[in-house]
Amino acid sequence: MSLRNNLTDLMMRAMSGGHRALLKLSGGRLLRSIGTMPAVELHTIGRATGHHRSTMLTAPVHGEGRYVLVASKGGGDRNPMWYLNLVANPDVELTVAGATTPMRARTATAAEKAELWPKIVAAYRGYADYQRRTTRDIPVVICEPR
């Protein structure tokens, strides 16, 4: 793994940990959402270790118990670890506004992504920039209650 990839991974973990800590310390009052996107804590099982993992994300599209996540990794050249974990074990949990719900995660089909992408970019234009930065097709993940 390259030094750049290691630094990117470290930065992403630090941002997620800082976000989680700020939410906890503020009793959920700070960074509960970013614009129209709710902050969500995704809980997965590590595909290699079997350990519980969690990461802070936003859900640019949400409603009726369904949350859409974007595996952008800031436009990096690799999929984020949380995405690889949920592909290996799609039974996940999402914590939103302090409530944790068992969910089933799946990668959106090409047709679903085509329908969702304009809504995703409308919620945060940065996602379009992330896609331009990378040659990989950034996965869109749909989480629905189990």
N, C-alpha and C. Protein backbone atom coordinates (compact mmCIF):
# COMPACT_ATOMS: atom_id res chain seq x y z
N MET A 1 0.85 -1.17 0.00
CA MET A 1 0.00 0.00 0.00
C MET A 1 0.90 1.24 0.00
N SER A 2 0.50 2.23 -0.75
CA SER A 2 1.32 3.43 -0.88
C SER A 2 1.18 4.33 0.34
N LEU A 3 2.17 5.20 0.49
CA LEU A 3 2.12 6.17 1.59
C LEU A 3 0.88 7.05 1.48
N ARG A 4 0.54 7.45 0.24
CA ARG A 4 -0.66 8.30 0.04
C ARG A 4 -1.91 7.57 0.51
N ASN A 5 -2.04 6.28 0.16
CA ASN A 5 -3.22 5.52 0.59
C ASN A 5 -3.27 5.38 2.11
N ASN A 6 -2.10 5.16 2.72
CA ASN A 6 -2.05 5.06 4.19
C ASN A 6 -2.48 6.37 4.83
N LEU A 7 -2.00 7.49 4.30
CA LEU A 7 -2.37 8.80 4.85
C LEU A 7 -3.85 9.08 4.66
N THR A 8 -4.39 8.71 3.49
CA THR A 8 -5.82 8.90 3.24
C THR A 8 -6.64 8.09 4.24
N ASP A 9 -6.27 6.83 4.45
CA ASP A 9 -7.00 5.98 5.40
C ASP A 9 -6.93 6.56 6.81
N LEU A 10 -5.76 7.03 7.21
CA LEU A 10 -5.59 7.61 8.54
C LEU A 10 -6.45 8.87 8.69
N MET A 11 -6.46 9.71 7.66
CA MET A 11 -7.25 10.94 7.71
C MET A 11 -8.75 10.62 7.81
N MET A 12 -9.21 9.65 7.04
CA MET A 12 -10.64 9.28 7.06
C MET A 12 -11.03 8.74 8.44
N ARG A 13 -10.16 7.90 9.04
CA ARG A 13 -10.46 7.38 10.38
C ARG A 13 -10.49 8.50 11.42
N ALA A 14 -9.55 9.44 11.30
CA ALA A 14 -9.51 10.56 12.25
C ALA A 14 -10.75 11.43 12.12
N MET A 15 -11.18 11.71 10.90
CA MET A 15 -12.38 12.53 10.70
C MET A 15 -13.61 11.83 11.26
N SER A 16 -13.72 10.53 11.01
CA SER A 16 -14.86 9.78 11.51
C SER A 16 -14.86 9.77 13.04
N GLY A 17 -13.70 9.52 13.64
CA GLY A 17 -13.60 9.50 15.10
C GLY A 17 -13.91 10.86 15.72
N GLY A 18 -13.41 11.92 15.09
CA GLY A 18 -13.70 13.27 15.58
C GLY A 18 -15.17 13.61 15.49
N HIS A 19 -15.80 13.23 14.40
CA HIS A 19 -17.23 13.47 14.22
C HIS A 19 -18.03 12.72 15.30
N ARG A 20 -17.68 11.45 15.50
CA ARG A 20 -18.37 10.63 16.50
C ARG A 20 -18.21 11.25 17.89
N ALA A 21 -16.98 11.68 18.23
CA ALA A 21 -16.73 12.26 19.55
C ALA A 21 -17.51 13.56 19.74
N LEU A 22 -17.55 14.41 18.72
CA LEU A 22 -18.27 15.67 18.83
C LEU A 22 -19.77 15.43 19.00
N LEU A 23 -20.32 14.47 18.29
CA LEU A 23 -21.73 14.12 18.46
C LEU A 23 -22.00 13.66 19.90
N LYS A 24 -21.12 12.81 20.41
CA LYS A 24 -21.31 12.28 21.75
C LYS A 24 -21.18 13.37 22.81
N LEU A 25 -20.12 14.17 22.71
CA LEU A 25 -19.89 15.22 23.70
C LEU A 25 -20.98 16.28 23.71
N SER A 26 -21.58 16.52 22.54
CA SER A 26 -22.63 17.55 22.46
C SER A 26 -24.02 16.98 22.72
N GLY A 27 -24.09 15.70 23.06
CA GLY A 27 -25.40 15.08 23.27
C GLY A 27 -26.21 15.02 21.98
N GLY A 28 -25.52 14.95 20.84
CA GLY A 28 -26.19 14.85 19.55
C GLY A 28 -26.64 16.19 18.98
N ARG A 29 -26.26 17.29 19.61
CA ARG A 29 -26.70 18.60 19.13
C ARG A 29 -25.82 19.14 18.00
N LEU A 30 -24.52 18.80 18.01
CA LEU A 30 -23.61 19.31 16.98
C LEU A 30 -23.34 18.23 15.93
N LEU A 31 -23.30 18.66 14.69
CA LEU A 31 -23.02 17.78 13.54
C LEU A 31 -23.99 16.62 13.42
N ARG A 32 -25.23 16.87 13.84
CA ARG A 32 -26.28 15.85 13.68
C ARG A 32 -26.65 15.72 12.21
N SER A 33 -26.40 16.81 11.48
CA SER A 33 -26.61 16.80 10.03
C SER A 33 -25.63 17.78 9.40
N ILE A 34 -25.40 17.58 8.13
CA ILE A 34 -24.57 18.48 7.34
C ILE A 34 -25.45 18.91 6.17
N GLY A 35 -25.91 20.15 6.24
CA GLY A 35 -26.91 20.59 5.26
C GLY A 35 -28.17 19.78 5.43
N THR A 36 -28.66 19.21 4.35
CA THR A 36 -29.87 18.38 4.41
C THR A 36 -29.56 16.91 4.67
N MET A 37 -28.28 16.59 4.82
CA MET A 37 -27.88 15.19 4.98
C MET A 37 -27.72 14.84 6.46
N PRO A 38 -28.49 13.86 6.95
CA PRO A 38 -28.29 13.45 8.34
C PRO A 38 -26.96 12.72 8.49
N ALA A 39 -26.32 12.93 9.64
CA ALA A 39 -25.14 12.16 9.98
C ALA A 39 -25.61 10.78 10.42
N VAL A 40 -24.95 9.76 9.92
CA VAL A 40 -25.29 8.38 10.30
C VAL A 40 -24.01 7.68 10.73
N GLU A 41 -24.14 6.82 11.71
CA GLU A 41 -23.02 5.97 12.10
C GLU A 41 -23.32 4.58 11.58
N LEU A 42 -22.49 4.12 10.67
CA LEU A 42 -22.64 2.81 10.05
C LEU A 42 -21.84 1.80 10.85
N HIS A 43 -22.49 0.73 11.27
CA HIS A 43 -21.84 -0.35 12.02
C HIS A 43 -21.76 -1.57 11.12
N THR A 44 -20.54 -2.05 10.90
CA THR A 44 -20.31 -3.22 10.05
C THR A 44 -19.49 -4.24 10.84
N ILE A 45 -19.34 -5.41 10.22
CA ILE A 45 -18.45 -6.44 10.74
C ILE A 45 -17.25 -6.49 9.79
N GLY A 46 -16.05 -6.39 10.34
CA GLY A 46 -14.84 -6.43 9.53
C GLY A 46 -14.75 -7.73 8.76
N ARG A 47 -14.53 -7.63 7.46
CA ARG A 47 -14.52 -8.82 6.61
C ARG A 47 -13.34 -9.74 6.90
N ALA A 48 -12.23 -9.19 7.37
CA ALA A 48 -11.05 -10.00 7.65
C ALA A 48 -10.96 -10.38 9.12
N THR A 49 -11.37 -9.46 10.01
CA THR A 49 -11.19 -9.67 11.45
C THR A 49 -12.42 -10.22 12.15
N GLY A 50 -13.59 -9.94 11.60
CA GLY A 50 -14.83 -10.30 12.29
C GLY A 50 -15.18 -9.34 13.42
N HIS A 51 -14.37 -8.29 13.61
CA HIS A 51 -14.63 -7.31 14.67
C HIS A 51 -15.66 -6.29 14.22
N HIS A 52 -16.37 -5.75 15.20
CA HIS A 52 -17.34 -4.68 14.92
C HIS A 52 -16.58 -3.42 14.55
N ARG A 53 -17.03 -2.76 13.51
CA ARG A 53 -16.43 -1.51 13.02
C ARG A 53 -17.54 -0.47 12.90
N SER A 54 -17.17 0.79 13.02
CA SER A 54 -18.16 1.84 12.78
C SER A 54 -17.48 3.03 12.14
N THR A 55 -18.25 3.74 11.35
CA THR A 55 -17.75 4.93 10.69
C THR A 55 -18.88 5.93 10.56
N MET A 56 -18.52 7.19 10.62
CA MET A 56 -19.50 8.27 10.47
C MET A 56 -19.59 8.66 9.00
N LEU A 57 -20.81 8.76 8.52
CA LEU A 57 -21.08 9.12 7.13
C LEU A 57 -22.27 10.08 7.10
N THR A 58 -22.61 10.51 5.90
CA THR A 58 -23.85 11.26 5.71
C THR A 58 -24.71 10.47 4.73
N ALA A 59 -26.01 10.72 4.79
CA ALA A 59 -26.96 10.07 3.89
C ALA A 59 -27.61 11.14 3.03
N PRO A 60 -27.09 11.34 1.81
CA PRO A 60 -27.62 12.41 0.97
C PRO A 60 -29.06 12.19 0.52
N VAL A 61 -29.48 10.94 0.47
CA VAL A 61 -30.87 10.61 0.13
C VAL A 61 -31.39 9.72 1.25
N HIS A 62 -32.57 10.07 1.78
CA HIS A 62 -33.12 9.32 2.90
C HIS A 62 -34.62 9.55 2.96
N GLY A 63 -35.28 8.61 3.55
CA GLY A 63 -36.72 8.74 3.75
C GLY A 63 -37.37 7.38 3.85
N GLU A 64 -38.48 7.32 4.59
CA GLU A 64 -39.25 6.09 4.77
C GLU A 64 -38.38 4.94 5.26
N GLY A 65 -37.43 5.24 6.16
CA GLY A 65 -36.58 4.22 6.74
C GLY A 65 -35.41 3.80 5.88
N ARG A 66 -35.31 4.32 4.68
CA ARG A 66 -34.23 3.96 3.75
C ARG A 66 -33.17 5.07 3.76
N TYR A 67 -31.91 4.66 3.77
CA TYR A 67 -30.80 5.60 3.74
C TYR A 67 -29.86 5.22 2.61
N VAL A 68 -29.42 6.22 1.87
CA VAL A 68 -28.49 6.02 0.76
C VAL A 68 -27.14 6.59 1.16
N LEU A 69 -26.11 5.76 1.04
CA LEU A 69 -24.74 6.15 1.37
C LEU A 69 -23.91 6.15 0.10
N VAL A 70 -22.85 6.93 0.09
CA VAL A 70 -21.98 7.03 -1.08
C VAL A 70 -20.57 6.64 -0.67
N ALA A 71 -20.02 5.61 -1.32
CA ALA A 71 -18.68 5.10 -1.00
C ALA A 71 -17.62 5.89 -1.77
N SER A 72 -17.60 7.20 -1.54
CA SER A 72 -16.77 8.09 -2.35
C SER A 72 -15.30 8.12 -1.92
N LYS A 73 -15.05 8.02 -0.64
CA LYS A 73 -13.69 8.14 -0.08
C LYS A 73 -13.00 9.37 -0.64
N GLY A 74 -13.76 10.45 -0.76
CA GLY A 74 -13.21 11.71 -1.23
C GLY A 74 -12.66 11.67 -2.64
N GLY A 75 -13.14 10.73 -3.45
CA GLY A 75 -12.64 10.59 -4.81
C GLY A 75 -11.36 9.78 -4.91
N GLY A 76 -11.03 9.07 -3.84
CA GLY A 76 -9.82 8.23 -3.84
C GLY A 76 -9.93 7.08 -4.82
N ASP A 77 -8.80 6.45 -5.07
CA ASP A 77 -8.75 5.40 -6.10
C ASP A 77 -9.19 4.02 -5.59
N ARG A 78 -9.52 3.92 -4.29
CA ARG A 78 -9.97 2.65 -3.73
C ARG A 78 -11.30 2.84 -3.01
N ASN A 79 -12.06 1.76 -2.95
CA ASN A 79 -13.30 1.81 -2.18
C ASN A 79 -12.96 1.88 -0.69
N PRO A 80 -13.79 2.55 0.10
CA PRO A 80 -13.55 2.61 1.54
C PRO A 80 -13.72 1.24 2.19
N MET A 81 -13.02 1.04 3.29
CA MET A 81 -13.08 -0.25 4.01
C MET A 81 -14.51 -0.57 4.45
N TRP A 82 -15.26 0.44 4.88
CA TRP A 82 -16.64 0.17 5.33
C TRP A 82 -17.45 -0.44 4.20
N TYR A 83 -17.20 -0.01 2.96
CA TYR A 83 -17.94 -0.57 1.82
C TYR A 83 -17.55 -2.04 1.61
N LEU A 84 -16.26 -2.33 1.66
CA LEU A 84 -15.81 -3.72 1.49
C LEU A 84 -16.40 -4.61 2.58
N ASN A 85 -16.50 -4.07 3.81
CA ASN A 85 -17.09 -4.83 4.91
C ASN A 85 -18.56 -5.14 4.67
N LEU A 86 -19.33 -4.16 4.20
CA LEU A 86 -20.76 -4.43 4.03
C LEU A 86 -21.05 -5.28 2.80
N VAL A 87 -20.16 -5.27 1.81
CA VAL A 87 -20.31 -6.19 0.69
C VAL A 87 -20.15 -7.63 1.20
N ALA A 88 -19.15 -7.84 2.07
CA ALA A 88 -18.90 -9.17 2.63
C ALA A 88 -19.99 -9.60 3.60
N ASN A 89 -20.55 -8.63 4.35
CA ASN A 89 -21.60 -8.94 5.33
C ASN A 89 -22.62 -7.80 5.29
N PRO A 90 -23.67 -7.94 4.48
CA PRO A 90 -24.62 -6.84 4.29
C PRO A 90 -25.56 -6.56 5.45
N ASP A 91 -25.54 -7.39 6.49
CA ASP A 91 -26.34 -7.10 7.68
C ASP A 91 -25.57 -6.08 8.52
N VAL A 92 -26.06 -4.84 8.50
CA VAL A 92 -25.40 -3.73 9.17
C VAL A 92 -26.37 -3.09 10.14
N GLU A 93 -25.89 -2.11 10.87
CA GLU A 93 -26.76 -1.27 11.70
C GLU A 93 -26.43 0.17 11.38
N LEU A 94 -27.45 1.02 11.46
CA LEU A 94 -27.27 2.46 11.29
C LEU A 94 -27.78 3.15 12.54
N THR A 95 -26.97 4.05 13.08
CA THR A 95 -27.40 4.89 14.18
C THR A 95 -27.65 6.28 13.62
N VAL A 96 -28.89 6.73 13.76
CA VAL A 96 -29.30 8.04 13.27
C VAL A 96 -30.04 8.73 14.41
N ALA A 97 -29.59 9.94 14.77
CA ALA A 97 -30.21 10.71 15.85
C ALA A 97 -30.34 9.88 17.13
N GLY A 98 -29.32 9.07 17.41
CA GLY A 98 -29.28 8.29 18.64
C GLY A 98 -30.01 6.97 18.61
N ALA A 99 -30.76 6.68 17.54
CA ALA A 99 -31.50 5.42 17.44
C ALA A 99 -30.77 4.48 16.48
N THR A 100 -30.54 3.24 16.92
CA THR A 100 -29.85 2.25 16.09
C THR A 100 -30.86 1.27 15.52
N THR A 101 -30.75 1.04 14.20
CA THR A 101 -31.69 0.18 13.48
C THR A 101 -30.93 -0.88 12.69
N PRO A 102 -31.33 -2.16 12.81
CA PRO A 102 -30.73 -3.19 11.96
C PRO A 102 -31.14 -2.95 10.50
N MET A 103 -30.17 -2.98 9.62
CA MET A 103 -30.42 -2.69 8.20
C MET A 103 -29.77 -3.77 7.34
N ARG A 104 -30.23 -3.83 6.12
CA ARG A 104 -29.59 -4.67 5.09
C ARG A 104 -29.06 -3.71 4.04
N ALA A 105 -27.77 -3.80 3.75
CA ALA A 105 -27.13 -2.90 2.80
C ALA A 105 -26.87 -3.64 1.48
N ARG A 106 -27.03 -2.90 0.39
CA ARG A 106 -26.72 -3.47 -0.92
C ARG A 106 -26.26 -2.35 -1.84
N THR A 107 -25.44 -2.74 -2.80
CA THR A 107 -24.99 -1.78 -3.80
C THR A 107 -26.13 -1.53 -4.77
N ALA A 108 -26.39 -0.27 -5.06
CA ALA A 108 -27.44 0.09 -6.01
C ALA A 108 -27.10 -0.47 -7.39
N THR A 109 -28.12 -0.90 -8.10
CA THR A 109 -27.91 -1.32 -9.48
C THR A 109 -27.56 -0.09 -10.32
N ALA A 110 -27.11 -0.32 -11.53
CA ALA A 110 -26.78 0.80 -12.42
C ALA A 110 -28.00 1.69 -12.63
N ALA A 111 -29.17 1.09 -12.80
CA ALA A 111 -30.40 1.87 -13.01
C ALA A 111 -30.76 2.67 -11.75
N GLU A 112 -30.62 2.04 -10.59
CA GLU A 112 -30.91 2.75 -9.33
C GLU A 112 -29.93 3.90 -9.13
N LYS A 113 -28.65 3.66 -9.42
CA LYS A 113 -27.66 4.72 -9.26
C LYS A 113 -27.96 5.88 -10.21
N ALA A 114 -28.33 5.57 -11.44
CA ALA A 114 -28.66 6.62 -12.40
C ALA A 114 -29.82 7.48 -11.89
N GLU A 115 -30.78 6.86 -11.23
CA GLU A 115 -31.91 7.61 -10.67
C GLU A 115 -31.51 8.40 -9.43
N LEU A 116 -30.65 7.82 -8.60
CA LEU A 116 -30.26 8.45 -7.33
C LEU A 116 -29.19 9.52 -7.49
N TRP A 117 -28.29 9.37 -8.46
CA TRP A 117 -27.13 10.25 -8.54
C TRP A 117 -27.48 11.74 -8.61
N PRO A 118 -28.47 12.16 -9.42
CA PRO A 118 -28.82 13.59 -9.42
C PRO A 118 -29.28 14.08 -8.04
N LYS A 119 -29.98 13.24 -7.29
CA LYS A 119 -30.43 13.61 -5.94
C LYS A 119 -29.23 13.69 -4.99
N ILE A 120 -28.29 12.79 -5.15
CA ILE A 120 -27.09 12.77 -4.32
C ILE A 120 -26.29 14.05 -4.54
N VAL A 121 -26.08 14.40 -5.82
CA VAL A 121 -25.31 15.60 -6.15
C VAL A 121 -26.07 16.86 -5.75
N ALA A 122 -27.40 16.83 -5.80
CA ALA A 122 -28.18 17.99 -5.36
C ALA A 122 -27.99 18.22 -3.85
N ALA A 123 -27.83 17.13 -3.09
CA ALA A 123 -27.62 17.26 -1.64
C ALA A 123 -26.20 17.74 -1.32
N TYR A 124 -25.22 17.33 -2.15
CA TYR A 124 -23.83 17.76 -1.95
C TYR A 124 -23.10 17.67 -3.28
N ARG A 125 -22.80 18.83 -3.85
CA ARG A 125 -22.16 18.88 -5.18
C ARG A 125 -20.78 18.25 -5.19
N GLY A 126 -20.15 18.15 -4.04
CA GLY A 126 -18.82 17.55 -3.95
C GLY A 126 -18.76 16.13 -4.47
N TYR A 127 -19.87 15.40 -4.41
CA TYR A 127 -19.87 14.03 -4.92
C TYR A 127 -19.55 13.99 -6.41
N ALA A 128 -20.03 14.95 -7.17
CA ALA A 128 -19.71 15.01 -8.60
C ALA A 128 -18.21 15.22 -8.79
N ASP A 129 -17.60 16.08 -7.96
CA ASP A 129 -16.16 16.29 -8.03
C ASP A 129 -15.41 15.01 -7.68
N TYR A 130 -15.88 14.31 -6.66
CA TYR A 130 -15.23 13.06 -6.27
C TYR A 130 -15.24 12.06 -7.43
N GLN A 131 -16.37 11.96 -8.14
CA GLN A 131 -16.45 11.01 -9.25
C GLN A 131 -15.49 11.41 -10.37
N ARG A 132 -15.35 12.72 -10.60
CA ARG A 132 -14.42 13.18 -11.65
C ARG A 132 -12.97 12.89 -11.28
N ARG A 133 -12.65 12.85 -10.00
CA ARG A 133 -11.27 12.62 -9.54
C ARG A 133 -10.78 11.20 -9.70
N THR A 134 -11.70 10.26 -9.86
CA THR A 134 -11.31 8.85 -9.86
C THR A 134 -11.81 8.13 -11.11
N THR A 135 -11.12 7.06 -11.46
CA THR A 135 -11.57 6.24 -12.59
C THR A 135 -12.54 5.15 -12.12
N ARG A 136 -12.59 4.90 -10.81
CA ARG A 136 -13.52 3.86 -10.33
C ARG A 136 -14.94 4.42 -10.32
N ASP A 137 -15.88 3.55 -10.51
CA ASP A 137 -17.28 3.93 -10.41
C ASP A 137 -17.63 3.94 -8.93
N ILE A 138 -17.90 5.11 -8.39
CA ILE A 138 -18.17 5.22 -6.95
C ILE A 138 -19.49 4.50 -6.63
N PRO A 139 -19.42 3.51 -5.73
CA PRO A 139 -20.62 2.77 -5.37
C PRO A 139 -21.61 3.62 -4.56
N VAL A 140 -22.87 3.38 -4.83
CA VAL A 140 -23.97 3.95 -4.05
C VAL A 140 -24.60 2.77 -3.31
N VAL A 141 -24.81 2.95 -2.02
CA VAL A 141 -25.31 1.87 -1.16
C VAL A 141 -26.69 2.23 -0.66
N ILE A 142 -27.59 1.29 -0.76
CA ILE A 142 -28.95 1.46 -0.25
C ILE A 142 -29.10 0.61 1.01
N CYS A 143 -29.46 1.25 2.11
CA CYS A 143 -29.68 0.55 3.38
C CYS A 143 -31.17 0.60 3.69
N GLU A 144 -31.75 -0.58 3.90
CA GLU A 144 -33.18 -0.68 4.21
C GLU A 144 -33.35 -1.54 5.46
N PRO A 145 -34.39 -1.26 6.25
CA PRO A 145 -34.59 -2.04 7.49
C PRO A 145 -34.69 -3.54 7.20
N ARG A 146 -34.10 -4.30 8.14
CA ARG A 146 -34.19 -5.78 8.03
C ARG A 146 -35.54 -6.21 8.55
